[in-house]
N, C-alpha and C. Protein backbone atom coordinates (compact mmCIF):
# COMPACT_ATOMS: atom_id res chain seq x y z
N MET A 1 5.51 33.75 -71.32
CA MET A 1 5.57 34.90 -71.90
C MET A 1 4.45 34.71 -73.45
N GLN A 2 3.99 33.77 -73.76
CA GLN A 2 3.21 33.50 -74.60
C GLN A 2 2.20 34.44 -74.94
N ASN A 3 2.08 34.80 -76.10
CA ASN A 3 0.84 35.89 -76.55
C ASN A 3 1.11 37.04 -75.72
N GLU A 4 2.20 37.56 -75.24
CA GLU A 4 2.28 38.60 -74.54
C GLU A 4 2.86 39.76 -75.33
N PRO A 5 2.75 41.02 -75.15
CA PRO A 5 3.29 42.10 -75.93
C PRO A 5 4.84 42.14 -75.91
N VAL A 6 5.54 42.31 -77.11
CA VAL A 6 7.04 42.27 -77.01
C VAL A 6 7.60 43.56 -75.99
N ASN A 7 6.98 44.59 -75.84
CA ASN A 7 7.16 45.58 -75.03
C ASN A 7 6.63 45.61 -73.63
N GLN A 8 6.17 44.41 -73.48
CA GLN A 8 5.77 44.03 -71.79
C GLN A 8 7.16 44.10 -70.95
N LYS A 9 7.13 44.51 -69.89
CA LYS A 9 8.32 44.54 -69.01
C LYS A 9 8.88 43.06 -68.63
N VAL A 10 10.10 42.80 -68.96
CA VAL A 10 10.63 41.43 -68.64
C VAL A 10 10.73 41.06 -67.19
N ARG A 11 10.39 40.17 -66.87
CA ARG A 11 10.56 39.55 -65.43
C ARG A 11 12.07 39.33 -65.08
N SER A 12 12.26 39.25 -63.82
CA SER A 12 13.88 39.15 -63.51
C SER A 12 14.09 37.91 -63.81
N GLY A 13 15.60 37.62 -63.93
CA GLY A 13 16.10 36.51 -64.62
C GLY A 13 15.52 35.31 -63.53
N TYR A 14 15.61 35.51 -62.21
CA TYR A 14 14.98 34.43 -61.47
C TYR A 14 13.61 34.05 -61.67
N ASP A 15 12.74 35.13 -61.89
CA ASP A 15 11.36 34.82 -62.20
C ASP A 15 11.06 33.93 -63.44
N LEU A 16 11.92 34.35 -64.45
CA LEU A 16 11.92 33.84 -65.89
C LEU A 16 12.17 32.28 -65.53
N MET A 17 13.37 31.86 -64.75
CA MET A 17 13.76 30.62 -64.65
C MET A 17 12.75 29.81 -63.74
N ARG A 18 12.49 30.26 -62.74
CA ARG A 18 11.69 29.49 -61.69
C ARG A 18 10.27 29.44 -62.18
N HIS A 19 9.41 30.36 -62.64
CA HIS A 19 8.08 30.28 -63.15
C HIS A 19 7.84 30.19 -64.48
N GLU A 20 8.50 30.11 -65.39
CA GLU A 20 8.46 29.68 -66.80
C GLU A 20 9.34 28.75 -67.24
N LEU A 21 10.68 28.76 -67.21
CA LEU A 21 11.42 27.87 -67.81
C LEU A 21 11.22 26.42 -67.10
N LEU A 22 11.49 26.52 -65.83
CA LEU A 22 11.41 25.27 -65.03
C LEU A 22 10.11 24.43 -65.06
N PRO A 23 8.95 25.09 -65.24
CA PRO A 23 7.74 24.13 -65.32
C PRO A 23 7.53 23.61 -66.76
N LEU A 24 8.33 24.53 -67.91
CA LEU A 24 8.40 23.70 -69.28
C LEU A 24 9.34 22.55 -69.25
N LEU A 25 10.65 22.60 -68.53
CA LEU A 25 11.59 21.72 -68.42
C LEU A 25 11.12 20.35 -67.69
N LEU A 26 10.49 20.74 -66.51
CA LEU A 26 10.20 19.40 -65.45
C LEU A 26 8.75 19.10 -65.71
N GLY A 27 7.85 19.75 -66.24
CA GLY A 27 6.44 19.30 -66.59
C GLY A 27 5.84 18.91 -65.14
N GLU A 28 5.10 17.69 -65.21
CA GLU A 28 4.15 17.47 -64.00
C GLU A 28 5.09 16.91 -62.86
N GLU A 29 6.56 16.60 -63.06
CA GLU A 29 7.38 16.14 -61.89
C GLU A 29 7.97 17.35 -61.34
N GLU A 30 7.66 18.58 -61.82
CA GLU A 30 8.29 19.78 -61.15
C GLU A 30 8.16 19.84 -59.64
N PRO A 31 6.89 19.77 -58.84
CA PRO A 31 6.86 19.77 -57.61
C PRO A 31 8.24 18.83 -56.81
N ALA A 32 7.89 17.56 -57.32
CA ALA A 32 8.95 16.41 -56.65
C ALA A 32 10.43 16.79 -56.97
N ILE A 33 10.63 17.35 -58.11
CA ILE A 33 12.06 17.66 -58.44
C ILE A 33 12.45 18.83 -57.62
N LEU A 34 11.64 19.71 -57.54
CA LEU A 34 12.09 20.86 -56.78
C LEU A 34 12.25 20.44 -55.30
N TYR A 35 11.50 19.74 -54.60
CA TYR A 35 11.56 19.36 -53.30
C TYR A 35 12.90 18.57 -53.10
N TRP A 36 13.39 17.73 -53.87
CA TRP A 36 14.55 16.99 -53.79
C TRP A 36 15.81 17.98 -54.16
N ALA A 37 15.60 18.91 -55.02
CA ALA A 37 16.65 20.10 -55.48
C ALA A 37 16.78 20.76 -54.09
N GLY A 38 15.71 21.27 -53.42
CA GLY A 38 16.08 22.03 -52.05
C GLY A 38 16.75 21.28 -51.01
N LYS A 39 16.57 19.96 -50.85
CA LYS A 39 17.08 18.87 -49.91
C LYS A 39 18.49 18.80 -50.26
N ALA A 40 18.80 18.48 -51.62
CA ALA A 40 20.24 18.57 -52.13
C ALA A 40 20.91 19.78 -51.84
N LEU A 41 20.16 20.95 -52.12
CA LEU A 41 21.21 22.33 -51.79
C LEU A 41 21.65 22.29 -50.73
N VAL A 42 20.57 22.17 -49.67
CA VAL A 42 21.17 22.02 -48.06
C VAL A 42 22.25 21.20 -47.79
N ARG A 43 22.18 19.96 -48.51
CA ARG A 43 23.39 18.90 -48.20
C ARG A 43 24.59 19.45 -48.85
N HIS A 44 24.50 20.21 -49.82
CA HIS A 44 25.76 21.02 -50.90
C HIS A 44 26.22 21.78 -49.98
N ARG A 45 25.47 22.52 -49.11
CA ARG A 45 25.91 23.69 -48.22
C ARG A 45 25.81 23.22 -46.89
N CYS A 46 26.36 22.22 -46.52
CA CYS A 46 26.36 21.55 -45.38
C CYS A 46 26.51 22.27 -44.09
N HIS A 47 26.95 23.44 -44.06
CA HIS A 47 27.20 24.33 -43.07
C HIS A 47 26.03 25.08 -42.63
N MET A 48 24.54 24.87 -43.28
CA MET A 48 23.49 25.75 -42.93
C MET A 48 22.78 25.12 -42.13
N ALA A 49 22.52 25.90 -40.90
CA ALA A 49 21.89 25.54 -39.71
C ALA A 49 20.46 26.11 -39.73
N ALA A 50 19.55 25.58 -38.81
CA ALA A 50 18.02 26.15 -38.76
C ALA A 50 18.18 27.76 -38.59
N SER A 51 19.13 28.42 -37.78
CA SER A 51 19.19 29.59 -37.51
C SER A 51 19.64 30.36 -38.86
N ASP A 52 20.19 29.90 -39.79
CA ASP A 52 20.55 30.36 -41.00
C ASP A 52 19.54 30.59 -42.09
N LEU A 53 18.24 29.93 -41.95
CA LEU A 53 17.23 29.75 -42.72
C LEU A 53 16.62 31.26 -43.17
N THR A 54 16.44 32.06 -41.99
CA THR A 54 15.89 33.54 -42.40
C THR A 54 16.79 34.29 -43.32
N ASP A 55 18.02 34.38 -43.02
CA ASP A 55 18.97 34.91 -43.78
C ASP A 55 19.07 34.30 -45.19
N PHE A 56 18.91 32.90 -45.28
CA PHE A 56 19.21 32.14 -46.72
C PHE A 56 17.91 32.62 -47.42
N PHE A 57 16.82 32.65 -46.97
CA PHE A 57 15.43 32.66 -47.76
C PHE A 57 15.64 34.38 -48.07
N ALA A 58 16.13 35.38 -47.38
CA ALA A 58 16.13 36.70 -47.84
C ALA A 58 17.22 36.86 -48.83
N GLN A 59 18.40 36.33 -48.66
CA GLN A 59 19.49 36.43 -49.79
C GLN A 59 19.19 35.75 -51.00
N ALA A 60 18.03 34.74 -51.04
CA ALA A 60 17.82 33.94 -51.99
C ALA A 60 16.69 34.71 -52.74
N GLN A 61 16.11 35.61 -52.19
CA GLN A 61 14.93 36.56 -52.53
C GLN A 61 13.69 35.62 -52.58
N TRP A 62 13.52 34.89 -51.77
CA TRP A 62 12.49 33.76 -51.40
C TRP A 62 11.19 34.48 -50.65
N GLY A 63 11.63 35.59 -49.87
CA GLY A 63 10.55 36.17 -49.06
C GLY A 63 11.16 36.00 -47.69
N THR A 64 10.25 36.55 -46.79
CA THR A 64 10.48 36.75 -45.35
C THR A 64 10.15 35.45 -44.48
N LEU A 65 10.87 34.86 -43.77
CA LEU A 65 10.55 33.60 -43.22
C LEU A 65 10.67 33.74 -41.60
N HIS A 66 9.63 33.32 -40.95
CA HIS A 66 9.40 33.31 -39.66
C HIS A 66 9.09 32.01 -39.03
N LEU A 67 9.74 31.58 -38.04
CA LEU A 67 9.22 30.54 -37.39
C LEU A 67 8.09 30.84 -36.36
N VAL A 68 7.03 29.92 -36.75
CA VAL A 68 5.74 30.29 -36.01
C VAL A 68 5.73 29.70 -34.77
N LYS A 69 6.00 28.29 -34.98
CA LYS A 69 5.91 27.46 -33.59
C LYS A 69 6.54 26.33 -33.74
N GLU A 70 7.20 25.86 -32.52
CA GLU A 70 8.02 24.79 -32.43
C GLU A 70 7.47 23.76 -31.43
N LYS A 71 7.43 22.68 -31.67
CA LYS A 71 7.01 21.25 -30.94
C LYS A 71 8.29 20.37 -30.66
N LYS A 72 7.85 19.37 -30.09
CA LYS A 72 9.22 18.39 -29.90
C LYS A 72 9.46 17.66 -31.32
N TYR A 73 8.66 17.53 -32.16
CA TYR A 73 8.92 16.72 -33.60
C TYR A 73 8.31 17.52 -34.52
N GLU A 74 8.13 19.08 -34.32
CA GLU A 74 7.71 19.61 -35.59
C GLU A 74 8.02 20.93 -35.10
N ARG A 75 8.13 21.80 -36.51
CA ARG A 75 8.29 23.21 -36.62
C ARG A 75 7.26 23.84 -37.86
N ILE A 76 6.85 25.12 -37.42
CA ILE A 76 5.79 25.49 -38.39
C ILE A 76 6.54 26.87 -38.99
N TYR A 77 6.72 27.34 -40.02
CA TYR A 77 7.22 28.38 -40.70
C TYR A 77 6.21 28.89 -41.49
N GLU A 78 6.32 30.26 -41.70
CA GLU A 78 5.51 31.05 -42.53
C GLU A 78 6.55 31.85 -43.35
N VAL A 79 6.51 31.83 -44.64
CA VAL A 79 7.14 32.71 -45.63
C VAL A 79 6.25 33.66 -46.33
N GLU A 80 6.32 34.92 -46.16
CA GLU A 80 5.80 35.97 -46.85
C GLU A 80 6.64 36.08 -48.30
N THR A 81 6.26 35.46 -49.15
CA THR A 81 7.01 35.34 -50.30
C THR A 81 6.93 36.54 -51.19
N THR A 82 8.01 36.59 -52.11
CA THR A 82 8.12 37.70 -53.12
C THR A 82 7.21 37.03 -54.50
N ALA A 83 6.84 35.95 -54.56
CA ALA A 83 5.96 35.14 -55.73
C ALA A 83 4.70 35.85 -55.69
N LYS A 84 4.32 35.95 -56.72
CA LYS A 84 2.80 36.51 -56.90
C LYS A 84 1.70 35.52 -57.46
N ASP A 85 2.27 34.27 -57.72
CA ASP A 85 1.40 33.27 -58.30
C ASP A 85 1.21 31.98 -57.30
N SER A 86 0.02 32.17 -56.49
CA SER A 86 -0.22 30.90 -55.44
C SER A 86 -0.43 29.47 -56.12
N SER A 87 -0.42 29.46 -57.37
CA SER A 87 -0.71 28.24 -58.12
C SER A 87 0.56 27.49 -58.40
N ARG A 88 1.76 28.28 -58.22
CA ARG A 88 3.14 27.65 -58.38
C ARG A 88 3.51 27.04 -57.13
N PRO A 89 4.24 25.85 -57.36
CA PRO A 89 4.72 24.86 -56.12
C PRO A 89 5.73 25.58 -55.33
N PHE A 90 5.89 25.59 -54.03
CA PHE A 90 6.56 26.10 -53.07
C PHE A 90 7.64 24.95 -52.67
N THR A 91 7.74 23.91 -53.33
CA THR A 91 8.27 22.86 -52.88
C THR A 91 9.94 22.78 -52.77
N LEU A 92 10.57 23.71 -53.44
CA LEU A 92 12.09 24.06 -53.36
C LEU A 92 12.33 24.61 -51.91
N GLU A 93 11.45 25.56 -51.60
CA GLU A 93 11.59 26.23 -50.28
C GLU A 93 11.10 25.11 -49.13
N THR A 94 10.18 24.17 -49.56
CA THR A 94 9.98 23.18 -48.54
C THR A 94 11.09 22.24 -48.11
N GLY A 95 11.77 21.89 -49.33
CA GLY A 95 12.71 20.92 -49.38
C GLY A 95 13.95 21.44 -48.53
N VAL A 96 14.16 22.74 -48.74
CA VAL A 96 15.40 23.36 -47.90
C VAL A 96 14.96 23.24 -46.39
N ILE A 97 13.92 23.60 -46.18
CA ILE A 97 13.60 23.54 -44.68
C ILE A 97 13.46 22.04 -44.06
N ALA A 98 12.95 21.16 -44.93
CA ALA A 98 13.11 19.88 -44.49
C ALA A 98 14.39 19.19 -44.24
N GLN A 99 15.50 19.57 -45.18
CA GLN A 99 16.74 18.97 -45.06
C GLN A 99 17.43 19.58 -44.14
N THR A 100 17.46 20.94 -43.65
CA THR A 100 17.93 21.78 -42.63
C THR A 100 17.67 20.97 -41.29
N ALA A 101 16.24 20.78 -41.00
CA ALA A 101 15.78 20.03 -39.96
C ALA A 101 16.37 18.61 -39.91
N GLU A 102 16.28 18.02 -40.96
CA GLU A 102 17.03 16.60 -40.82
C GLU A 102 18.52 16.69 -40.50
N MET A 103 19.20 17.41 -40.88
CA MET A 103 20.80 17.68 -40.54
C MET A 103 20.70 17.91 -39.13
N GLU A 104 20.24 18.82 -38.88
CA GLU A 104 20.04 19.61 -37.50
C GLU A 104 19.73 18.50 -36.26
N LYS A 105 18.67 17.43 -36.62
CA LYS A 105 18.12 16.68 -35.51
C LYS A 105 18.93 15.35 -35.76
N GLY A 106 19.44 15.10 -36.85
CA GLY A 106 19.91 13.76 -37.31
C GLY A 106 18.88 12.75 -37.46
N LEU A 107 17.73 13.14 -37.81
CA LEU A 107 16.43 12.28 -37.78
C LEU A 107 15.87 12.55 -39.21
N LEU A 108 15.34 11.58 -39.79
CA LEU A 108 14.59 11.80 -41.14
C LEU A 108 13.51 12.87 -40.99
N ALA A 109 13.51 13.68 -41.83
CA ALA A 109 12.54 15.02 -41.75
C ALA A 109 11.60 15.07 -43.08
N GLU A 110 10.70 15.43 -43.14
CA GLU A 110 9.62 15.62 -44.17
C GLU A 110 8.87 16.98 -44.02
N ALA A 111 8.66 17.63 -44.94
CA ALA A 111 7.88 18.95 -44.97
C ALA A 111 7.04 19.03 -45.98
N THR A 112 5.93 19.78 -45.63
CA THR A 112 4.53 20.09 -46.62
C THR A 112 4.54 21.50 -46.65
N TYR A 113 3.69 21.93 -47.33
CA TYR A 113 3.32 23.41 -47.29
C TYR A 113 1.78 23.60 -47.79
N GLU A 114 1.28 24.70 -47.41
CA GLU A 114 0.17 25.04 -47.76
C GLU A 114 -0.12 26.59 -47.87
N ILE A 115 -0.89 27.24 -48.72
CA ILE A 115 -1.10 28.53 -48.82
C ILE A 115 -1.89 29.04 -47.67
N LYS A 116 -1.42 30.19 -46.89
CA LYS A 116 -2.03 30.68 -45.89
C LYS A 116 -2.83 31.62 -46.27
N ASN A 117 -2.14 32.68 -46.87
CA ASN A 117 -3.06 33.87 -47.58
C ASN A 117 -2.46 34.14 -48.97
N LYS A 118 -3.35 34.84 -49.62
CA LYS A 118 -2.97 35.03 -51.05
C LYS A 118 -2.48 36.62 -51.32
N GLU A 119 -2.74 37.28 -50.18
CA GLU A 119 -2.36 38.83 -50.24
C GLU A 119 -2.11 39.30 -49.01
N PRO A 120 -0.52 39.64 -48.63
CA PRO A 120 0.33 39.12 -49.46
C PRO A 120 0.31 37.66 -49.42
N LEU A 121 1.01 37.24 -50.60
CA LEU A 121 1.28 35.76 -50.48
C LEU A 121 2.17 35.06 -49.69
N THR A 122 1.25 34.21 -48.55
CA THR A 122 1.99 33.55 -47.49
C THR A 122 1.80 32.13 -47.50
N VAL A 123 2.98 31.64 -47.36
CA VAL A 123 3.04 29.94 -47.39
C VAL A 123 3.42 29.49 -46.04
N ARG A 124 2.47 28.47 -45.44
CA ARG A 124 3.08 27.84 -44.41
C ARG A 124 3.59 26.66 -44.48
N ILE A 125 4.89 26.39 -44.09
CA ILE A 125 5.57 25.14 -44.26
C ILE A 125 5.88 24.47 -42.84
N THR A 126 5.33 23.10 -42.82
CA THR A 126 5.32 22.40 -41.63
C THR A 126 6.51 21.14 -41.78
N VAL A 127 7.54 21.23 -40.91
CA VAL A 127 8.53 20.00 -40.93
C VAL A 127 8.29 19.35 -39.77
N ARG A 128 8.37 17.87 -40.09
CA ARG A 128 8.19 16.93 -38.92
C ARG A 128 9.13 15.74 -38.97
N TRP A 129 9.65 15.36 -37.77
CA TRP A 129 10.65 14.27 -37.85
C TRP A 129 10.21 13.36 -36.66
N ASP A 130 10.92 12.13 -36.80
CA ASP A 130 10.42 11.00 -35.93
C ASP A 130 11.66 10.62 -35.30
N LYS A 131 11.63 10.35 -33.88
CA LYS A 131 12.84 10.07 -33.34
C LYS A 131 13.34 8.43 -33.57
N LYS A 132 12.41 7.85 -34.31
CA LYS A 132 12.63 6.40 -34.53
C LYS A 132 13.33 6.25 -35.91
N ASP A 133 13.30 7.44 -36.72
CA ASP A 133 14.03 7.23 -38.05
C ASP A 133 15.17 8.27 -38.04
N SER A 134 16.20 7.52 -37.56
CA SER A 134 17.54 8.27 -37.58
C SER A 134 18.20 8.31 -38.97
N VAL A 135 19.18 9.44 -39.18
CA VAL A 135 19.78 9.50 -40.39
C VAL A 135 21.24 8.94 -40.13
N THR A 136 21.69 8.10 -41.16
CA THR A 136 23.15 7.76 -40.95
C THR A 136 23.82 8.47 -42.13
N GLU A 137 25.12 8.98 -41.79
CA GLU A 137 25.88 9.58 -42.76
C GLU A 137 26.45 8.89 -43.59
N GLU A 138 26.56 9.23 -44.88
CA GLU A 138 26.96 8.41 -46.05
C GLU A 138 28.58 8.94 -46.43
């Protein structure tokens, strides 16, 4: 909010935290830390399954999540997000999806994202897992 008029409408608390404070605190490590945080959030909420993701995204006010395609070792999701800035990282959401797949499949899962559309801002998240990389419970 640097150099903005004092009377400009204040963004929501979530927007202030996510899009202004976190980048200041985390710096260039922000994307990696948010990805880890998304995975940790799902581990903490260990009851969350893939079928819960749509509701979770809506409740978190991250946007509308749709499963676009599912293959044997891959899922593709799209999120029509509530964010307005496509230059911001979407690794928190990506980490949540990766960890949900990992826990569901019992296999190491990793996810990536790309911006599909800028208006409305739509993010495509692809999660992949490998049957050779099983996860052991700690």
